[in-house]
C-alpha cells in the first residue's frame, strides 16, 4: 500500500490483495500504487504480447528506479524471456520480489533466486497439475517466499471446473505445502467476472481452506478481499482476551483445549497487528 495515503502498510508476508497490472500499460502503475491493494504485481508475462515484452520490461525498470515499489511477475524458466527478465531486474532498486510464472519444480525457484542475486523474494505461482504435485518441494526451495495459485491455467491444464469442490484439492495442497515449508499462507487465484458478492464468497472459501491472500485484476476488488481476509475487531478482541487470561494465570494449562485455543489466538493477534486492527 502507498504510505502517502495514510493507510496502514502491509508487509508482503501478510499481504492479502495482490493486484496484477499489465506491464505494457505504464500509465496504470501510479494508480495501482495508490490503490488499496496490499501489493502491486507488474505483469510482464501473460499480460504482454511477446513482441512488446522488451519495451514493457524497460518501462517497469524505469518506474522502479524512479521510486515505484512493486513485485514483478516474470516469465517462466522454460521461455527465452526468463533470462532477459532476471538480467534486467537484478539489482533494480525498489523491486520487492518476483512472481515466477508456471512454477513446476523447486530448482526453478532456486535458479530464479540465484539469478536475481540471492536476496530477492520469489513468489512461486503454481499453475499446473505437476506444479500442484510438486508443491511441497517448491515451498521448501531456497528463495521461496510464498506460494500462489494460478487457478485459471490449472483449470485449463486439468479440465477442472471453477467449482469450489473442484478447487479444494489444489488449494489445500498449497496450504499444506506452505505450512511444511515454513511459508505464510498461499495466495489464491483471482475471481474473474461477477460482482462483489461473488468475490466475497470466493474469498471466504479461500480463507476457510487456509489461503491468506488473493490475486486480483481490478483495484476495486481490493477493499472486499482485504475485509474478508482480515480478522474482525471482535476476532482481535477474543484473541486479546484469551492471551491475557492465559498470561494472568501464569501460563497454567487447564485442559487439552487450552494450547490449540492459545495458538489460534496468537495467530489472530499477529494478523490483526499486521493489518492495524485494534480490539474493541
Protein backbone atom coordinates (compact mmCIF):
# COMPACT_ATOMS: atom_id res chain seq x y z
CA UNK A 1 0.00 0.00 0.00
CA UNK A 2 1.07 3.55 -0.51
CA UNK A 3 2.12 5.23 2.71
CA UNK A 4 1.24 8.60 1.13
CA UNK A 5 -2.47 7.90 1.63
CA UNK A 6 -2.05 7.39 5.34
CA UNK A 7 -3.15 3.76 5.02
CA UNK A 8 -1.67 1.04 7.19
CA UNK A 9 1.25 -0.55 5.31
CA UNK A 10 1.04 -4.34 4.99
CA UNK A 11 4.25 -6.32 4.67
CA UNK A 12 4.45 -8.78 1.74
CA UNK A 13 4.44 -11.82 4.00
CA UNK A 14 0.99 -10.80 5.26
CA UNK A 15 -0.33 -9.22 2.04
CA UNK A 16 -3.93 -10.07 1.23
CA UNK A 17 -4.54 -8.36 -2.12
CA UNK A 18 -2.02 -8.85 -4.93
CA UNK A 19 -3.03 -6.58 -7.81
CA UNK A 20 -1.83 -7.69 -11.25
CA UNK A 21 -1.13 -4.77 -13.59
CA UNK A 22 -0.36 -5.05 -17.29
CA UNK A 23 3.28 -4.02 -17.66
CA UNK A 24 2.60 -2.82 -21.19
CA UNK A 25 0.44 -0.03 -19.74
CA UNK A 26 2.78 2.10 -17.62
CA UNK A 27 0.09 4.77 -17.28
CA UNK A 28 -1.61 2.40 -14.81
CA UNK A 29 1.36 1.96 -12.48
CA UNK A 30 0.93 5.03 -10.30
CA UNK A 31 -2.80 4.48 -9.87
CA UNK A 32 -2.21 0.88 -8.84
CA UNK A 33 0.35 2.00 -6.27
CA UNK A 34 -2.24 4.39 -4.80
CA UNK A 35 -4.94 1.72 -4.65
CA UNK A 36 -5.97 -0.25 -1.59
CA UNK A 37 -4.12 -3.35 -2.79
CA UNK A 38 -1.55 -4.57 -0.29
CA UNK A 39 0.90 -5.36 -3.09
CA UNK A 40 1.17 -4.44 -6.77
CA UNK A 41 2.45 -7.01 -9.27
CA UNK A 42 3.59 -5.59 -12.61
CA UNK A 43 2.95 -8.36 -15.10
CA UNK A 44 5.46 -8.90 -17.92
CA UNK A 45 4.26 -12.45 -18.54
CA UNK A 46 0.82 -13.42 -19.90
CA UNK A 47 -0.46 -9.84 -19.96
CA UNK A 48 2.15 -8.75 -22.52
CA UNK A 49 2.44 -9.72 -26.18
CA UNK A 50 5.85 -11.37 -26.83
CA UNK A 51 6.70 -8.59 -29.29
CA UNK A 52 6.26 -5.97 -26.56
CA UNK A 53 8.00 -7.68 -23.66
CA UNK A 54 11.29 -5.80 -24.03
CA UNK A 55 9.54 -2.42 -24.02
CA UNK A 56 7.26 -3.40 -21.13
CA UNK A 57 10.18 -4.66 -19.06
CA UNK A 58 12.07 -1.44 -19.69
CA UNK A 59 9.07 0.60 -18.52
CA UNK A 60 8.89 -1.49 -15.35
CA UNK A 61 12.57 -0.98 -14.57
CA UNK A 62 12.28 2.75 -15.24
CA UNK A 63 9.27 3.08 -12.93
CA UNK A 64 11.01 1.15 -10.14
CA UNK A 65 14.16 3.23 -10.47
CA UNK A 66 12.03 6.37 -10.24
CA UNK A 67 10.73 5.30 -6.82
CA UNK A 68 7.84 2.93 -7.53
CA UNK A 69 7.73 -0.19 -5.37
CA UNK A 70 6.26 -3.46 -6.63
CA UNK A 71 6.62 -7.14 -7.32
CA UNK A 72 7.05 -8.20 -10.95
CA UNK A 73 5.52 -11.30 -12.48
CA UNK A 74 8.23 -12.72 -14.70
CA UNK A 75 8.12 -15.34 -17.44
CA UNK A 76 8.63 -19.00 -16.62
CA UNK A 77 12.06 -20.56 -16.79
CA UNK A 78 11.30 -22.62 -19.91
CA UNK A 79 10.93 -19.50 -22.06
CA UNK A 80 13.70 -17.34 -23.54
CA UNK A 81 12.12 -14.33 -21.82
CA UNK A 82 13.03 -15.59 -18.32
CA UNK A 83 16.72 -14.88 -18.76
CA UNK A 84 16.00 -11.37 -20.03
CA UNK A 85 13.69 -10.76 -17.08
CA UNK A 86 16.16 -11.75 -14.38
CA UNK A 87 19.10 -10.00 -16.05
CA UNK A 88 17.22 -6.72 -16.39
CA UNK A 89 15.64 -6.85 -12.93
CA UNK A 90 18.71 -7.95 -10.97
CA UNK A 91 19.82 -5.12 -8.70
CA UNK A 92 16.89 -2.88 -9.63
CA UNK A 93 16.03 -0.64 -6.67
CA UNK A 94 12.54 -0.88 -5.15
CA UNK A 95 11.92 -4.36 -6.60
CA UNK A 96 10.11 -6.07 -3.72
CA UNK A 97 10.23 -9.52 -5.29
CA UNK A 98 9.20 -11.52 -8.30
CA UNK A 99 6.24 -13.77 -9.02
CA UNK A 100 7.57 -16.72 -11.02
CA UNK A 101 5.01 -17.89 -13.55
CA UNK A 102 4.21 -21.57 -14.14
CA UNK A 103 6.45 -22.93 -11.41
CA UNK A 104 6.72 -26.71 -11.55
CA UNK A 105 9.94 -27.58 -9.72
CA UNK A 106 11.97 -26.46 -6.73
CA UNK A 107 15.06 -25.79 -8.82
CA UNK A 108 13.14 -23.25 -10.88
CA UNK A 109 12.61 -21.19 -7.73
CA UNK A 110 16.22 -21.53 -6.62
CA UNK A 111 17.60 -20.76 -10.09
CA UNK A 112 15.48 -17.61 -10.20
CA UNK A 113 16.51 -16.59 -6.69
CA UNK A 114 20.20 -17.03 -7.51
CA UNK A 115 19.93 -15.34 -10.92
CA UNK A 116 18.48 -12.28 -9.18
CA UNK A 117 21.40 -12.11 -6.75
CA UNK A 118 20.25 -14.29 -3.88
CA UNK A 119 18.22 -11.68 -1.99
CA UNK A 120 15.04 -11.07 -3.98
CA UNK A 121 11.98 -12.99 -2.66
CA UNK A 122 10.34 -15.38 -5.11
CA UNK A 123 6.60 -15.98 -5.04
CA UNK A 124 6.11 -19.31 -6.84
CA UNK A 125 2.97 -19.18 -8.98
CA UNK A 126 1.75 -22.76 -9.33
CA UNK A 127 -0.48 -23.21 -12.37
CA UNK A 128 -0.49 -26.87 -13.40
CA UNK A 129 -1.13 -30.40 -12.18
CA UNK A 130 2.62 -31.03 -11.99
CA UNK A 131 3.15 -27.85 -10.02
CA UNK A 132 0.48 -28.86 -7.50
CA UNK A 133 2.06 -32.29 -7.06
CA UNK A 134 5.49 -30.68 -6.56
CA UNK A 135 4.14 -28.01 -4.20
CA UNK A 136 5.92 -29.32 -1.11
CA UNK A 137 9.34 -29.29 -2.79
CA UNK A 138 8.64 -25.86 -4.26
CA UNK A 139 7.67 -24.46 -0.85
CA UNK A 140 10.89 -25.83 0.65
CA UNK A 141 13.11 -24.46 -2.12
CA UNK A 142 15.76 -21.87 -1.28
CA UNK A 143 14.40 -18.46 -2.13
CA UNK A 144 10.70 -19.41 -1.91
CA UNK A 145 8.78 -16.62 -0.18
CA UNK A 146 5.14 -17.56 -0.75
CA UNK A 147 3.12 -19.83 -3.00
CA UNK A 148 0.36 -18.54 -5.26
CA UNK A 149 -2.33 -20.37 -7.21
CA UNK A 150 -2.74 -19.79 -10.94
CA UNK A 151 -6.25 -21.17 -10.91
CA UNK A 152 -7.15 -20.32 -14.50
CA UNK A 153 -4.19 -22.12 -16.03
CA UNK A 154 -4.68 -25.00 -13.60
CA UNK A 155 -8.25 -25.45 -14.84
CA UNK A 156 -7.03 -25.30 -18.42
CA UNK A 157 -4.36 -27.92 -17.68
CA UNK A 158 -6.62 -30.34 -15.82
CA UNK A 159 -10.08 -29.69 -17.25
CA UNK A 160 -11.38 -28.97 -13.74
CA UNK A 161 -14.23 -26.54 -13.25
CA UNK A 162 -14.18 -23.40 -11.14
CA UNK A 163 -16.48 -25.08 -8.63
CA UNK A 164 -15.35 -24.74 -5.01
CA UNK A 165 -15.24 -28.51 -4.58
CA UNK A 166 -13.06 -28.96 -7.68
CA UNK A 167 -10.68 -26.26 -6.46
CA UNK A 168 -10.47 -27.54 -2.87
CA UNK A 169 -7.76 -30.11 -3.60
CA UNK A 170 -5.17 -27.82 -5.26
CA UNK A 171 -5.82 -25.06 -2.75
CA UNK A 172 -5.38 -27.46 0.17
CA UNK A 173 -2.17 -28.84 -1.35
CA UNK A 174 -0.74 -25.33 -1.47
CA UNK A 175 -1.84 -24.61 2.11
CA UNK A 176 -0.25 -27.80 3.45
CA UNK A 177 2.92 -27.30 1.40
CA UNK A 178 3.26 -23.73 2.66
CA UNK A 179 2.99 -24.91 6.25
CA UNK A 180 5.62 -27.62 5.73
CA UNK A 181 7.92 -25.12 4.02
CA UNK A 182 7.52 -22.58 6.81
CA UNK A 183 5.93 -20.04 4.46
CA UNK A 184 2.98 -17.73 5.05
CA UNK A 185 -0.37 -18.94 3.76
CA UNK A 186 -0.64 -19.06 -0.04
CA UNK A 187 -2.17 -16.50 -2.38
CA UNK A 188 -5.38 -17.67 -4.08
CA UNK A 189 -6.22 -17.20 -7.74
CA UNK A 190 -8.31 -14.26 -8.96
CA UNK A 191 -12.08 -14.05 -9.23
CA UNK A 192 -12.77 -13.06 -12.84
CA UNK A 193 -16.20 -11.71 -13.68
CA UNK A 194 -19.15 -11.47 -11.34
CA UNK A 195 -19.61 -8.75 -8.78
CA UNK A 196 -18.59 -8.13 -5.22
CA UNK A 197 -20.95 -10.78 -3.75
CA UNK A 198 -19.22 -13.50 -5.79
CA UNK A 199 -15.81 -12.08 -4.89
CA UNK A 200 -16.74 -12.05 -1.21
CA UNK A 201 -17.94 -15.65 -1.35
CA UNK A 202 -14.85 -16.86 -3.23
CA UNK A 203 -12.56 -15.04 -0.82
CA UNK A 204 -14.35 -16.57 2.15
CA UNK A 205 -13.93 -20.06 0.72
CA UNK A 206 -10.22 -19.42 0.27
CA UNK A 207 -9.86 -18.25 3.86
CA UNK A 208 -11.72 -21.31 5.12
CA UNK A 209 -9.15 -23.53 3.39
CA UNK A 210 -6.18 -21.58 4.77
CA UNK A 211 -5.39 -19.19 1.92
CA UNK A 212 -4.06 -15.85 3.18
CA UNK A 213 -4.13 -13.70 0.05
CA UNK A 214 -5.72 -13.36 -3.36
CA UNK A 215 -4.65 -12.22 -6.80
CA UNK A 216 -6.89 -9.67 -8.47
CA UNK A 217 -7.10 -7.78 -11.75
CA UNK A 218 -9.22 -4.83 -10.64
CA UNK A 219 -8.20 -2.37 -7.88
CA UNK A 220 -11.87 -2.03 -6.93
CA UNK A 221 -11.74 -5.60 -5.61
CA UNK A 222 -9.10 -4.78 -3.03
CA UNK A 223 -11.41 -3.48 -0.30
CA UNK A 224 -13.55 -6.64 -0.40
CA UNK A 225 -10.57 -9.01 -0.37
CA UNK A 226 -8.87 -7.10 2.44
CA UNK A 227 -12.02 -7.18 4.54
CA UNK A 228 -12.74 -10.87 4.08
CA UNK A 229 -9.13 -11.95 4.56
CA UNK A 230 -8.63 -9.99 7.79
CA UNK A 231 -9.66 -10.78 11.35
CA UNK A 232 -12.55 -8.68 12.55
CA UNK A 233 -12.30 -6.35 15.50
CA UNK A 234 -14.31 -8.89 17.52
CA UNK A 235 -11.81 -11.60 16.49
CA UNK A 236 -8.98 -9.38 17.72
CA UNK A 237 -10.82 -8.80 20.99
CA UNK A 238 -11.34 -12.53 21.53
CA UNK A 239 -7.67 -13.21 20.83
CA UNK A 240 -6.55 -10.44 23.19
CA UNK A 241 -8.76 -11.77 25.98
CA UNK A 242 -7.60 -15.37 25.54
CA UNK A 243 -3.93 -14.39 25.63
CA UNK A 244 -4.43 -12.04 28.58
CA UNK A 245 -6.25 -14.67 30.65
CA UNK A 246 -3.54 -17.22 29.91
CA UNK A 247 -0.77 -14.84 30.91
CA UNK A 248 -2.60 -13.76 34.07
CA UNK A 249 -2.97 -17.42 35.08
CA UNK A 250 0.79 -17.79 34.97
CA UNK A 251 0.66 -19.89 31.84
CA UNK A 252 -1.21 -22.74 33.52
CA UNK A 253 -2.69 -25.26 31.06
CA UNK A 254 -6.04 -26.45 32.37
CA UNK A 255 -7.07 -28.95 29.71
CA UNK A 256 -6.28 -30.17 26.19
CA UNK A 257 -8.14 -27.32 24.51
CA UNK A 258 -6.02 -24.55 26.02
CA UNK A 259 -2.95 -24.76 23.79
CA UNK A 260 -4.87 -25.04 20.48
CA UNK A 261 -7.04 -22.08 21.54
CA UNK A 262 -3.97 -20.11 22.54
CA UNK A 263 -2.26 -20.89 19.24
CA UNK A 264 -5.27 -19.67 17.28
CA UNK A 265 -5.47 -16.53 19.42
CA UNK A 266 -1.82 -15.70 18.85
CA UNK A 267 -2.23 -16.17 15.11
CA UNK A 268 -5.26 -13.86 15.03
CA UNK A 269 -3.40 -11.30 17.12
CA UNK A 270 -0.41 -11.42 14.76
CA UNK A 271 -2.62 -10.80 11.73
CA UNK A 272 -4.64 -8.11 13.48
CA UNK A 273 -1.45 -6.23 14.33
CA UNK A 274 -0.18 -6.64 10.75
CA UNK A 275 -3.39 -5.13 9.39
CA UNK A 276 -3.78 -2.41 12.00
CA UNK A 277 -6.95 -3.90 13.53
CA UNK A 278 -7.50 -2.95 17.14
CA UNK A 279 -9.50 -4.95 19.73
CA UNK A 280 -12.82 -3.42 20.70
